[in-house]
């Protein structure tokens, strides 16, 4: 195994995994972290910790992940290339496993101009593929990247993730971007929200034709929609997200839109299980950890 984590073990065993996502708190103690994520303990296989999501500062993702690991919740530590140079990142690749963090997700990160300190300077010393490549070399070769070449003993055991966004593939679609990320070191993908099940089926069919899920695990994004208004906002503002009109109409017609959103989410998870190449579901909901937990327990998915 490439890591000491449960997420990798379950995927390797062919289990359908469930992961969730949290944003670190704007608080400087352990209790602030656990107040958000304790509801997910025992329900999901791992929890992603965002790294300055929306280009806004919060408790560091590393610190939040360490608190979770200490309290029995396996983290997926997200890394962006926006805020740290390669020396800082390499130090955290070593420090993460030492703190019980077995999984990382390599991202570019939201633009600084989208955040609440738009005059901050982005670093972007490497791109996200460079990030994966560094992690893979440090793990597999036990050395710092060239020209250093210094030995790392023991080498960091890391399960390396990348992001993707399911789309409706045109006849000429080729998954060159995914193949490049796998070549750089990606062991698994976690995707953007996928509410259009027919688009997801067509996308995964193409990936299966190219053998992509045989090389890296695919964990597909979804989440409990809070309302029809929220669903429309996501379609209009989140890159790569399309909530079908039928789902929006269903939310509008519901007496309790939040409850209907959880039901829709649970139904989609069950449909994901039937799609070849989908290895799990990744549940996201801004400030919605409790809604994720309710979705999993109310519909008997976990718990």
C-alpha atoms as a PDB file:
ATOM      1  CA  UNK A   1       0.000   0.000   0.000  1.00  0.00           C
ATOM      2  CA  UNK A   2       1.112   3.534  -0.729  1.00  0.00           C
ATOM      3  CA  UNK A   3      -0.265   4.925   2.539  1.00  0.00           C
ATOM      4  CA  UNK A   4      -1.309   3.804   5.993  1.00  0.00           C
ATOM      5  CA  UNK A   5      -4.855   4.999   5.419  1.00  0.00           C
ATOM      6  CA  UNK A   6      -8.212   3.265   5.525  1.00  0.00           C
ATOM      7  CA  UNK A   7      -9.450   5.060   2.411  1.00  0.00           C
ATOM      8  CA  UNK A   8      -6.836   3.416   0.189  1.00  0.00           C
ATOM      9  CA  UNK A   9      -7.397   0.008   1.823  1.00  0.00           C
ATOM     10  CA  UNK A  10     -11.150   0.130   1.205  1.00  0.00           C
ATOM     11  CA  UNK A  11     -10.749   1.258  -2.394  1.00  0.00           C
ATOM     12  CA  UNK A  12      -8.201  -1.486  -3.027  1.00  0.00           C
ATOM     13  CA  UNK A  13     -10.654  -4.000  -1.554  1.00  0.00           C
ATOM     14  CA  UNK A  14     -13.348  -2.855  -3.990  1.00  0.00           C
ATOM     15  CA  UNK A  15     -15.581  -1.238  -1.346  1.00  0.00           C
ATOM     16  CA  UNK A  16     -17.765   1.720  -2.362  1.00  0.00           C
ATOM     17  CA  UNK A  17     -16.330   4.534  -0.243  1.00  0.00           C
ATOM     18  CA  UNK A  18     -17.960   7.668   1.136  1.00  0.00           C
ATOM     19  CA  UNK A  19     -15.921  10.815   1.736  1.00  0.00           C
ATOM     20  CA  UNK A  20     -17.049  14.237   2.917  1.00  0.00           C
ATOM     21  CA  UNK A  21     -15.602  17.737   3.063  1.00  0.00           C
ATOM     22  CA  UNK A  22     -15.140  20.393   5.704  1.00  0.00           C
ATOM     23  CA  UNK A  23     -13.681  23.869   5.823  1.00  0.00           C
ATOM     24  CA  UNK A  24     -11.416  24.588   8.828  1.00  0.00           C
ATOM     25  CA  UNK A  25     -12.966  26.873  11.441  1.00  0.00           C
ATOM     26  CA  UNK A  26     -12.154  30.477  12.199  1.00  0.00           C
ATOM     27  CA  UNK A  27     -11.254  29.414  15.708  1.00  0.00           C
ATOM     28  CA  UNK A  28      -7.975  28.555  17.394  1.00  0.00           C
ATOM     29  CA  UNK A  29      -8.779  25.450  19.385  1.00  0.00           C
ATOM     30  CA  UNK A  30      -9.454  21.743  18.932  1.00  0.00           C
ATOM     31  CA  UNK A  31     -13.071  22.116  20.008  1.00  0.00           C
ATOM     32  CA  UNK A  32     -13.751  24.424  17.047  1.00  0.00           C
ATOM     33  CA  UNK A  33     -12.694  21.656  14.668  1.00  0.00           C
ATOM     34  CA  UNK A  34     -14.586  18.852  16.354  1.00  0.00           C
ATOM     35  CA  UNK A  35     -17.756  20.928  16.644  1.00  0.00           C
ATOM     36  CA  UNK A  36     -17.923  20.824  12.849  1.00  0.00           C
ATOM     37  CA  UNK A  37     -16.765  17.300  12.008  1.00  0.00           C
ATOM     38  CA  UNK A  38     -17.619  15.090  14.970  1.00  0.00           C
ATOM     39  CA  UNK A  39     -21.011  14.349  13.369  1.00  0.00           C
ATOM     40  CA  UNK A  40     -19.167  12.633  10.489  1.00  0.00           C
ATOM     41  CA  UNK A  41     -17.111  10.314  12.694  1.00  0.00           C
ATOM     42  CA  UNK A  42     -17.872   6.689  11.867  1.00  0.00           C
ATOM     43  CA  UNK A  43     -20.124   7.648   8.959  1.00  0.00           C
ATOM     44  CA  UNK A  44     -17.547   8.405   6.263  1.00  0.00           C
ATOM     45  CA  UNK A  45     -14.245   6.850   5.285  1.00  0.00           C
ATOM     46  CA  UNK A  46     -12.359  10.143   5.135  1.00  0.00           C
ATOM     47  CA  UNK A  47     -12.982  13.885   5.335  1.00  0.00           C
ATOM     48  CA  UNK A  48     -11.368  16.405   2.989  1.00  0.00           C
ATOM     49  CA  UNK A  49     -10.001  19.525   4.656  1.00  0.00           C
ATOM     50  CA  UNK A  50     -10.042  22.517   2.330  1.00  0.00           C
ATOM     51  CA  UNK A  51      -6.947  24.701   1.997  1.00  0.00           C
ATOM     52  CA  UNK A  52      -7.957  28.340   2.077  1.00  0.00           C
ATOM     53  CA  UNK A  53     -11.188  27.697   0.156  1.00  0.00           C
ATOM     54  CA  UNK A  54     -12.447  30.753  -1.657  1.00  0.00           C
ATOM     55  CA  UNK A  55      -9.014  32.350  -1.089  1.00  0.00           C
ATOM     56  CA  UNK A  56      -9.952  33.115   2.514  1.00  0.00           C
ATOM     57  CA  UNK A  57      -7.795  32.367   5.546  1.00  0.00           C
ATOM     58  CA  UNK A  58      -9.011  29.918   8.193  1.00  0.00           C
ATOM     59  CA  UNK A  59      -7.254  27.577  10.639  1.00  0.00           C
ATOM     60  CA  UNK A  60      -4.493  25.875   8.635  1.00  0.00           C
ATOM     61  CA  UNK A  61      -5.616  22.746   6.804  1.00  0.00           C
ATOM     62  CA  UNK A  62      -2.642  20.875   8.284  1.00  0.00           C
ATOM     63  CA  UNK A  63      -3.612  21.762  11.867  1.00  0.00           C
ATOM     64  CA  UNK A  64      -7.274  20.920  11.249  1.00  0.00           C
ATOM     65  CA  UNK A  65      -6.303  17.583   9.684  1.00  0.00           C
ATOM     66  CA  UNK A  66      -4.032  16.734  12.613  1.00  0.00           C
ATOM     67  CA  UNK A  67      -6.849  17.417  15.090  1.00  0.00           C
ATOM     68  CA  UNK A  68      -9.179  15.174  13.106  1.00  0.00           C
ATOM     69  CA  UNK A  69      -6.624  12.361  12.877  1.00  0.00           C
ATOM     70  CA  UNK A  70      -6.030  12.581  16.632  1.00  0.00           C
ATOM     71  CA  UNK A  71      -9.778  12.182  17.163  1.00  0.00           C
ATOM     72  CA  UNK A  72     -10.267   9.197  14.863  1.00  0.00           C
ATOM     73  CA  UNK A  73     -11.360  10.876  11.619  1.00  0.00           C
ATOM     74  CA  UNK A  74      -9.141  10.132   8.612  1.00  0.00           C
ATOM     75  CA  UNK A  75      -8.293  13.342   6.750  1.00  0.00           C
ATOM     76  CA  UNK A  76      -7.704  14.067   3.077  1.00  0.00           C
ATOM     77  CA  UNK A  77      -5.449  17.110   3.307  1.00  0.00           C
ATOM     78  CA  UNK A  78      -6.005  19.455   0.398  1.00  0.00           C
ATOM     79  CA  UNK A  79      -2.951  21.288  -0.950  1.00  0.00           C
ATOM     80  CA  UNK A  80      -3.094  24.322  -3.226  1.00  0.00           C
ATOM     81  CA  UNK A  81      -0.122  25.810  -5.046  1.00  0.00           C
ATOM     82  CA  UNK A  82      -1.413  29.328  -4.374  1.00  0.00           C
ATOM     83  CA  UNK A  83      -0.025  30.028  -0.915  1.00  0.00           C
ATOM     84  CA  UNK A  84       3.269  28.134  -0.442  1.00  0.00           C
ATOM     85  CA  UNK A  85       6.450  27.596  -2.406  1.00  0.00           C
ATOM     86  CA  UNK A  86       7.885  24.144  -3.080  1.00  0.00           C
ATOM     87  CA  UNK A  87      10.099  24.163   0.031  1.00  0.00           C
ATOM     88  CA  UNK A  88       7.130  24.768   2.326  1.00  0.00           C
ATOM     89  CA  UNK A  89       5.036  22.173   0.515  1.00  0.00           C
ATOM     90  CA  UNK A  90       7.742  19.522   0.654  1.00  0.00           C
ATOM     91  CA  UNK A  91       8.076  20.067   4.396  1.00  0.00           C
ATOM     92  CA  UNK A  92       4.342  19.513   4.809  1.00  0.00           C
ATOM     93  CA  UNK A  93       4.438  16.364   2.639  1.00  0.00           C
ATOM     94  CA  UNK A  94       6.781  14.937   5.281  1.00  0.00           C
ATOM     95  CA  UNK A  95       4.957  16.437   8.241  1.00  0.00           C
ATOM     96  CA  UNK A  96       1.505  15.218   7.215  1.00  0.00           C
ATOM     97  CA  UNK A  97       2.116  11.465   7.616  1.00  0.00           C
ATOM     98  CA  UNK A  98       3.993  12.164  10.869  1.00  0.00           C
ATOM     99  CA  UNK A  99       0.722  13.633  12.192  1.00  0.00           C
ATOM    100  CA  UNK A 100      -1.407  10.712  10.976  1.00  0.00           C
ATOM    101  CA  UNK A 101      -2.475  12.233   7.640  1.00  0.00           C
ATOM    102  CA  UNK A 102      -2.322   9.574   4.891  1.00  0.00           C
ATOM    103  CA  UNK A 103      -4.166  11.275   1.996  1.00  0.00           C
ATOM    104  CA  UNK A 104      -3.584  14.466   0.022  1.00  0.00           C
ATOM    105  CA  UNK A 105      -5.563  16.168  -2.749  1.00  0.00           C
ATOM    106  CA  UNK A 106      -3.494  18.365  -5.100  1.00  0.00           C
ATOM    107  CA  UNK A 107      -5.217  21.509  -6.400  1.00  0.00           C
ATOM    108  CA  UNK A 108      -4.425  24.854  -7.953  1.00  0.00           C
ATOM    109  CA  UNK A 109      -6.649  26.816  -5.571  1.00  0.00           C
ATOM    110  CA  UNK A 110      -9.165  29.601  -6.018  1.00  0.00           C
ATOM    111  CA  UNK A 111      -7.932  32.913  -7.388  1.00  0.00           C
ATOM    112  CA  UNK A 112      -6.672  35.367  -4.768  1.00  0.00           C
ATOM    113  CA  UNK A 113      -8.929  38.026  -6.278  1.00  0.00           C
ATOM    114  CA  UNK A 114     -11.982  35.978  -5.260  1.00  0.00           C
ATOM    115  CA  UNK A 115     -11.090  36.193  -1.581  1.00  0.00           C
ATOM    116  CA  UNK A 116     -11.373  38.833   1.126  1.00  0.00           C
ATOM    117  CA  UNK A 117      -7.706  39.909   0.912  1.00  0.00           C
ATOM    118  CA  UNK A 118      -7.360  40.434  -2.851  1.00  0.00           C
ATOM    119  CA  UNK A 119      -4.018  42.266  -2.545  1.00  0.00           C
ATOM    120  CA  UNK A 120      -2.275  39.139  -1.196  1.00  0.00           C
ATOM    121  CA  UNK A 121       0.417  37.719  -3.498  1.00  0.00           C
ATOM    122  CA  UNK A 122      -0.144  34.262  -5.054  1.00  0.00           C
ATOM    123  CA  UNK A 123       2.922  31.986  -5.028  1.00  0.00           C
ATOM    124  CA  UNK A 124       2.216  29.308  -7.669  1.00  0.00           C
ATOM    125  CA  UNK A 125       5.798  28.040  -7.589  1.00  0.00           C
ATOM    126  CA  UNK A 126       4.576  24.829  -9.272  1.00  0.00           C
ATOM    127  CA  UNK A 127       1.291  23.765 -10.843  1.00  0.00           C
ATOM    128  CA  UNK A 128      -0.973  21.008  -9.532  1.00  0.00           C
ATOM    129  CA  UNK A 129       0.714  18.345 -11.661  1.00  0.00           C
ATOM    130  CA  UNK A 130       4.081  19.493 -10.337  1.00  0.00           C
ATOM    131  CA  UNK A 131       2.628  19.127  -6.851  1.00  0.00           C
ATOM    132  CA  UNK A 132       1.630  15.509  -7.550  1.00  0.00           C
ATOM    133  CA  UNK A 133       4.969  14.761  -9.149  1.00  0.00           C
ATOM    134  CA  UNK A 134       6.845  16.069  -6.079  1.00  0.00           C
ATOM    135  CA  UNK A 135       4.705  13.991  -3.749  1.00  0.00           C
ATOM    136  CA  UNK A 136       5.170  10.859  -5.815  1.00  0.00           C
ATOM    137  CA  UNK A 137       8.948  11.246  -6.001  1.00  0.00           C
ATOM    138  CA  UNK A 138       9.251  11.863  -2.270  1.00  0.00           C
ATOM    139  CA  UNK A 139       7.072   8.818  -1.569  1.00  0.00           C
ATOM    140  CA  UNK A 140       8.407   6.373  -4.165  1.00  0.00           C
ATOM    141  CA  UNK A 141      12.068   7.390  -4.343  1.00  0.00           C
ATOM    142  CA  UNK A 142      12.540   8.658  -0.796  1.00  0.00           C
ATOM    143  CA  UNK A 143      14.364  11.778  -1.929  1.00  0.00           C
ATOM    144  CA  UNK A 144      13.733  15.489  -2.217  1.00  0.00           C
ATOM    145  CA  UNK A 145      13.167  16.594  -5.836  1.00  0.00           C
ATOM    146  CA  UNK A 146      16.048  17.526  -8.127  1.00  0.00           C
ATOM    147  CA  UNK A 147      18.502  19.161  -7.869  1.00  0.00           C
ATOM    148  CA  UNK A 148      18.520  18.397  -4.119  1.00  0.00           C
ATOM    149  CA  UNK A 149      18.269  14.612  -4.137  1.00  0.00           C
ATOM    150  CA  UNK A 150      18.704  14.438  -0.347  1.00  0.00           C
ATOM    151  CA  UNK A 151      17.367  11.253   1.210  1.00  0.00           C
ATOM    152  CA  UNK A 152      14.129  11.186   3.240  1.00  0.00           C
ATOM    153  CA  UNK A 153      14.105   8.385   5.795  1.00  0.00           C
ATOM    154  CA  UNK A 154      11.457   7.183   6.240  1.00  0.00           C
ATOM    155  CA  UNK A 155       9.791   8.391   3.066  1.00  0.00           C
ATOM    156  CA  UNK A 156       6.248   9.837   3.432  1.00  0.00           C
ATOM    157  CA  UNK A 157       3.508   7.290   2.736  1.00  0.00           C
ATOM    158  CA  UNK A 158       0.909   9.281   0.807  1.00  0.00           C
ATOM    159  CA  UNK A 159      -2.216   8.390  -1.181  1.00  0.00           C
ATOM    160  CA  UNK A 160      -2.244  11.122  -3.838  1.00  0.00           C
ATOM    161  CA  UNK A 161      -5.455  12.626  -5.175  1.00  0.00           C
ATOM    162  CA  UNK A 162      -6.401  14.998  -7.986  1.00  0.00           C
ATOM    163  CA  UNK A 163      -9.556  16.861  -8.980  1.00  0.00           C
ATOM    164  CA  UNK A 164     -11.788  16.378 -11.997  1.00  0.00           C
ATOM    165  CA  UNK A 165     -15.092  17.683 -13.325  1.00  0.00           C
ATOM    166  CA  UNK A 166     -17.477  15.275 -15.113  1.00  0.00           C
ATOM    167  CA  UNK A 167     -18.797  16.669 -18.392  1.00  0.00           C
ATOM    168  CA  UNK A 168     -20.823  15.543 -21.378  1.00  0.00           C
ATOM    169  CA  UNK A 169     -18.105  14.185 -23.675  1.00  0.00           C
ATOM    170  CA  UNK A 170     -18.215  15.153 -27.343  1.00  0.00           C
ATOM    171  CA  UNK A 171     -17.371  12.498 -29.966  1.00  0.00           C
ATOM    172  CA  UNK A 172     -13.730  13.602 -30.076  1.00  0.00           C
ATOM    173  CA  UNK A 173     -13.220  13.721 -26.295  1.00  0.00           C
ATOM    174  CA  UNK A 174      -9.995  12.192 -25.063  1.00  0.00           C
ATOM    175  CA  UNK A 175      -9.031  12.123 -21.373  1.00  0.00           C
ATOM    176  CA  UNK A 176      -5.547  13.526 -21.937  1.00  0.00           C
ATOM    177  CA  UNK A 177      -5.730  15.737 -18.862  1.00  0.00           C
ATOM    178  CA  UNK A 178      -6.592  12.820 -16.613  1.00  0.00           C
ATOM    179  CA  UNK A 179      -3.857  10.677 -18.132  1.00  0.00           C
ATOM    180  CA  UNK A 180      -1.350  13.466 -17.481  1.00  0.00           C
ATOM    181  CA  UNK A 181      -2.419  13.684 -13.829  1.00  0.00           C
ATOM    182  CA  UNK A 182      -2.120   9.916 -13.448  1.00  0.00           C
ATOM    183  CA  UNK A 183       1.323  10.076 -15.035  1.00  0.00           C
ATOM    184  CA  UNK A 184       2.223  12.803 -12.530  1.00  0.00           C
ATOM    185  CA  UNK A 185       1.173  10.606  -9.612  1.00  0.00           C
ATOM    186  CA  UNK A 186      -2.592  10.712  -9.073  1.00  0.00           C
ATOM    187  CA  UNK A 187      -3.882   7.568  -7.356  1.00  0.00           C
ATOM    188  CA  UNK A 188      -7.488   8.762  -7.092  1.00  0.00           C
ATOM    189  CA  UNK A 189      -9.784  11.511  -8.335  1.00  0.00           C
ATOM    190  CA  UNK A 190     -12.463  13.404  -6.452  1.00  0.00           C
ATOM    191  CA  UNK A 191     -14.826  15.276  -8.731  1.00  0.00           C
ATOM    192  CA  UNK A 192     -16.947  18.394  -8.838  1.00  0.00           C
ATOM    193  CA  UNK A 193     -20.671  17.994  -8.068  1.00  0.00           C
ATOM    194  CA  UNK A 194     -22.362  15.593 -10.538  1.00  0.00           C
ATOM    195  CA  UNK A 195     -26.144  16.046 -10.351  1.00  0.00           C
ATOM    196  CA  UNK A 196     -26.857  15.091 -13.972  1.00  0.00           C
ATOM    197  CA  UNK A 197     -26.772  11.306 -13.792  1.00  0.00           C
ATOM    198  CA  UNK A 198     -27.083  10.795 -17.551  1.00  0.00           C
ATOM    199  CA  UNK A 199     -24.090  13.049 -18.217  1.00  0.00           C
ATOM    200  CA  UNK A 200     -22.123  11.168 -15.566  1.00  0.00           C
ATOM    201  CA  UNK A 201     -22.991   7.830 -17.184  1.00  0.00           C
ATOM    202  CA  UNK A 202     -21.787   9.046 -20.574  1.00  0.00           C
ATOM    203  CA  UNK A 203     -18.615  10.514 -19.073  1.00  0.00           C
ATOM    204  CA  UNK A 204     -17.720   7.356 -17.163  1.00  0.00           C
ATOM    205  CA  UNK A 205     -18.429   5.223 -20.243  1.00  0.00           C
ATOM    206  CA  UNK A 206     -15.782   7.172 -22.162  1.00  0.00           C
ATOM    207  CA  UNK A 207     -13.317   6.945 -19.267  1.00  0.00           C
ATOM    208  CA  UNK A 208     -13.923   3.201 -19.082  1.00  0.00           C
ATOM    209  CA  UNK A 209     -13.252   2.922 -22.830  1.00  0.00           C
ATOM    210  CA  UNK A 210      -9.860   4.536 -22.202  1.00  0.00           C
ATOM    211  CA  UNK A 211      -9.097   2.429 -19.129  1.00  0.00           C
ATOM    212  CA  UNK A 212      -8.889   5.426 -16.781  1.00  0.00           C
ATOM    213  CA  UNK A 213     -10.658   3.826 -13.742  1.00  0.00           C
ATOM    214  CA  UNK A 214      -8.228   0.910 -14.000  1.00  0.00           C
ATOM    215  CA  UNK A 215      -5.378   3.331 -13.289  1.00  0.00           C
ATOM    216  CA  UNK A 216      -6.962   5.608 -10.666  1.00  0.00           C
ATOM    217  CA  UNK A 217     -10.062   5.459  -8.442  1.00  0.00           C
ATOM    218  CA  UNK A 218     -12.982   7.792  -9.199  1.00  0.00           C
ATOM    219  CA  UNK A 219     -14.937   9.257  -6.272  1.00  0.00           C
ATOM    220  CA  UNK A 220     -17.800  11.358  -7.627  1.00  0.00           C
ATOM    221  CA  UNK A 221     -18.955  14.589  -6.005  1.00  0.00           C
ATOM    222  CA  UNK A 222     -22.502  15.249  -4.832  1.00  0.00           C
ATOM    223  CA  UNK A 223     -24.180  16.949  -1.892  1.00  0.00           C
ATOM    224  CA  UNK A 224     -27.495  17.683  -0.167  1.00  0.00           C
ATOM    225  CA  UNK A 225     -28.952  20.725  -1.950  1.00  0.00           C
ATOM    226  CA  UNK A 226     -30.310  23.311   0.481  1.00  0.00           C
ATOM    227  CA  UNK A 227     -32.940  24.786  -1.851  1.00  0.00           C
ATOM    228  CA  UNK A 228     -33.946  25.414  -5.453  1.00  0.00           C
ATOM    229  CA  UNK A 229     -32.347  28.864  -5.156  1.00  0.00           C
ATOM    230  CA  UNK A 230     -29.073  27.268  -4.081  1.00  0.00           C
ATOM    231  CA  UNK A 231     -29.236  24.771  -6.967  1.00  0.00           C
ATOM    232  CA  UNK A 232     -29.692  27.598  -9.478  1.00  0.00           C
ATOM    233  CA  UNK A 233     -26.782  29.525  -7.940  1.00  0.00           C
ATOM    234  CA  UNK A 234     -24.532  26.484  -8.256  1.00  0.00           C
ATOM    235  CA  UNK A 235     -25.372  26.044 -11.934  1.00  0.00           C
ATOM    236  CA  UNK A 236     -24.758  29.723 -12.641  1.00  0.00           C
ATOM    237  CA  UNK A 237     -21.612  30.227 -10.555  1.00  0.00           C
ATOM    238  CA  UNK A 238     -19.709  26.955 -10.029  1.00  0.00           C
ATOM    239  CA  UNK A 239     -17.526  25.843 -12.910  1.00  0.00           C
ATOM    240  CA  UNK A 240     -18.562  22.491 -14.321  1.00  0.00           C
ATOM    241  CA  UNK A 241     -21.751  22.182 -12.232  1.00  0.00           C
ATOM    242  CA  UNK A 242     -25.166  21.627 -13.798  1.00  0.00           C
ATOM    243  CA  UNK A 243     -28.219  20.883 -11.698  1.00  0.00           C
ATOM    244  CA  UNK A 244     -30.921  19.570 -14.084  1.00  0.00           C
ATOM    245  CA  UNK A 245     -34.203  21.473 -14.313  1.00  0.00           C
ATOM    246  CA  UNK A 246     -36.085  18.380 -13.104  1.00  0.00           C
ATOM    247  CA  UNK A 247     -34.178  18.432  -9.802  1.00  0.00           C
ATOM    248  CA  UNK A 248     -34.776  22.167  -9.358  1.00  0.00           C
ATOM    249  CA  UNK A 249     -38.484  21.703 -10.055  1.00  0.00           C
ATOM    250  CA  UNK A 250     -38.617  18.878  -7.539  1.00  0.00           C
ATOM    251  CA  UNK A 251     -37.044  21.110  -4.890  1.00  0.00           C
ATOM    252  CA  UNK A 252     -39.445  23.960  -5.668  1.00  0.00           C
ATOM    253  CA  UNK A 253     -42.414  21.662  -5.233  1.00  0.00           C
ATOM    254  CA  UNK A 254     -41.288  20.263  -1.910  1.00  0.00           C
ATOM    255  CA  UNK A 255     -42.764  21.382   1.410  1.00  0.00           C
ATOM    256  CA  UNK A 256     -39.315  21.023   3.022  1.00  0.00           C
ATOM    257  CA  UNK A 257     -36.679  21.802   0.394  1.00  0.00           C
ATOM    258  CA  UNK A 258     -33.748  20.875   2.647  1.00  0.00           C
ATOM    259  CA  UNK A 259     -35.230  17.437   3.340  1.00  0.00           C
ATOM    260  CA  UNK A 260     -35.911  16.940  -0.372  1.00  0.00           C
ATOM    261  CA  UNK A 261     -32.309  17.929  -1.121  1.00  0.00           C
ATOM    262  CA  UNK A 262     -31.042  15.209   1.239  1.00  0.00           C
ATOM    263  CA  UNK A 263     -33.347  12.660  -0.410  1.00  0.00           C
ATOM    264  CA  UNK A 264     -32.127  13.600  -3.895  1.00  0.00           C
ATOM    265  CA  UNK A 265     -28.531  13.291  -2.715  1.00  0.00           C
ATOM    266  CA  UNK A 266     -29.160   9.820  -1.274  1.00  0.00           C
ATOM    267  CA  UNK A 267     -30.844   8.694  -4.490  1.00  0.00           C
ATOM    268  CA  UNK A 268     -27.902   9.893  -6.566  1.00  0.00           C
ATOM    269  CA  UNK A 269     -25.432   8.044  -4.344  1.00  0.00           C
ATOM    270  CA  UNK A 270     -27.363   4.825  -4.925  1.00  0.00           C
ATOM    271  CA  UNK A 271     -27.275   5.455  -8.679  1.00  0.00           C
ATOM    272  CA  UNK A 272     -23.510   6.108  -8.541  1.00  0.00           C
ATOM    273  CA  UNK A 273     -23.034   2.584  -7.190  1.00  0.00           C
ATOM    274  CA  UNK A 274     -24.453   1.155 -10.424  1.00  0.00           C
ATOM    275  CA  UNK A 275     -22.089   3.027 -12.757  1.00  0.00           C
ATOM    276  CA  UNK A 276     -18.989   1.130 -13.851  1.00  0.00           C
ATOM    277  CA  UNK A 277     -15.827   2.889 -12.782  1.00  0.00           C
ATOM    278  CA  UNK A 278     -17.334   4.906  -9.915  1.00  0.00           C
ATOM    279  CA  UNK A 279     -15.547   3.881  -6.726  1.00  0.00           C
ATOM    280  CA  UNK A 280     -17.364   6.096  -4.265  1.00  0.00           C
ATOM    281  CA  UNK A 281     -19.211   9.320  -3.493  1.00  0.00           C
ATOM    282  CA  UNK A 282     -17.683  12.561  -2.216  1.00  0.00           C
ATOM    283  CA  UNK A 283     -20.229  14.647  -0.272  1.00  0.00           C
ATOM    284  CA  UNK A 284     -19.803  18.402  -0.168  1.00  0.00           C
ATOM    285  CA  UNK A 285     -22.005  21.072   1.404  1.00  0.00           C
ATOM    286  CA  UNK A 286     -20.658  24.463   2.514  1.00  0.00           C
ATOM    287  CA  UNK A 287     -21.160  24.663   6.291  1.00  0.00           C
ATOM    288  CA  UNK A 288     -23.234  21.509   5.818  1.00  0.00           C
ATOM    289  CA  UNK A 289     -21.418  18.751   7.697  1.00  0.00           C
ATOM    290  CA  UNK A 290     -24.570  17.987   9.713  1.00  0.00           C
ATOM    291  CA  UNK A 291     -26.688  17.845   6.555  1.00  0.00           C
ATOM    292  CA  UNK A 292     -24.225  15.329   5.114  1.00  0.00           C
ATOM    293  CA  UNK A 293     -24.441  13.203   8.258  1.00  0.00           C
ATOM    294  CA  UNK A 294     -28.251  13.367   8.186  1.00  0.00           C
ATOM    295  CA  UNK A 295     -28.290  12.293   4.531  1.00  0.00           C
ATOM    296  CA  UNK A 296     -26.163   9.249   5.276  1.00  0.00           C
ATOM    297  CA  UNK A 297     -28.147   8.142   8.322  1.00  0.00           C
ATOM    298  CA  UNK A 298     -31.706   8.995   7.239  1.00  0.00           C
ATOM    299  CA  UNK A 299     -31.439   6.861   4.124  1.00  0.00           C
ATOM    300  CA  UNK A 300     -29.396   4.029   5.586  1.00  0.00           C
ATOM    301  CA  UNK A 301     -26.306   4.711   3.499  1.00  0.00           C
ATOM    302  CA  UNK A 302     -24.154   4.687   6.630  1.00  0.00           C
ATOM    303  CA  UNK A 303     -24.887   4.564  10.313  1.00  0.00           C
END
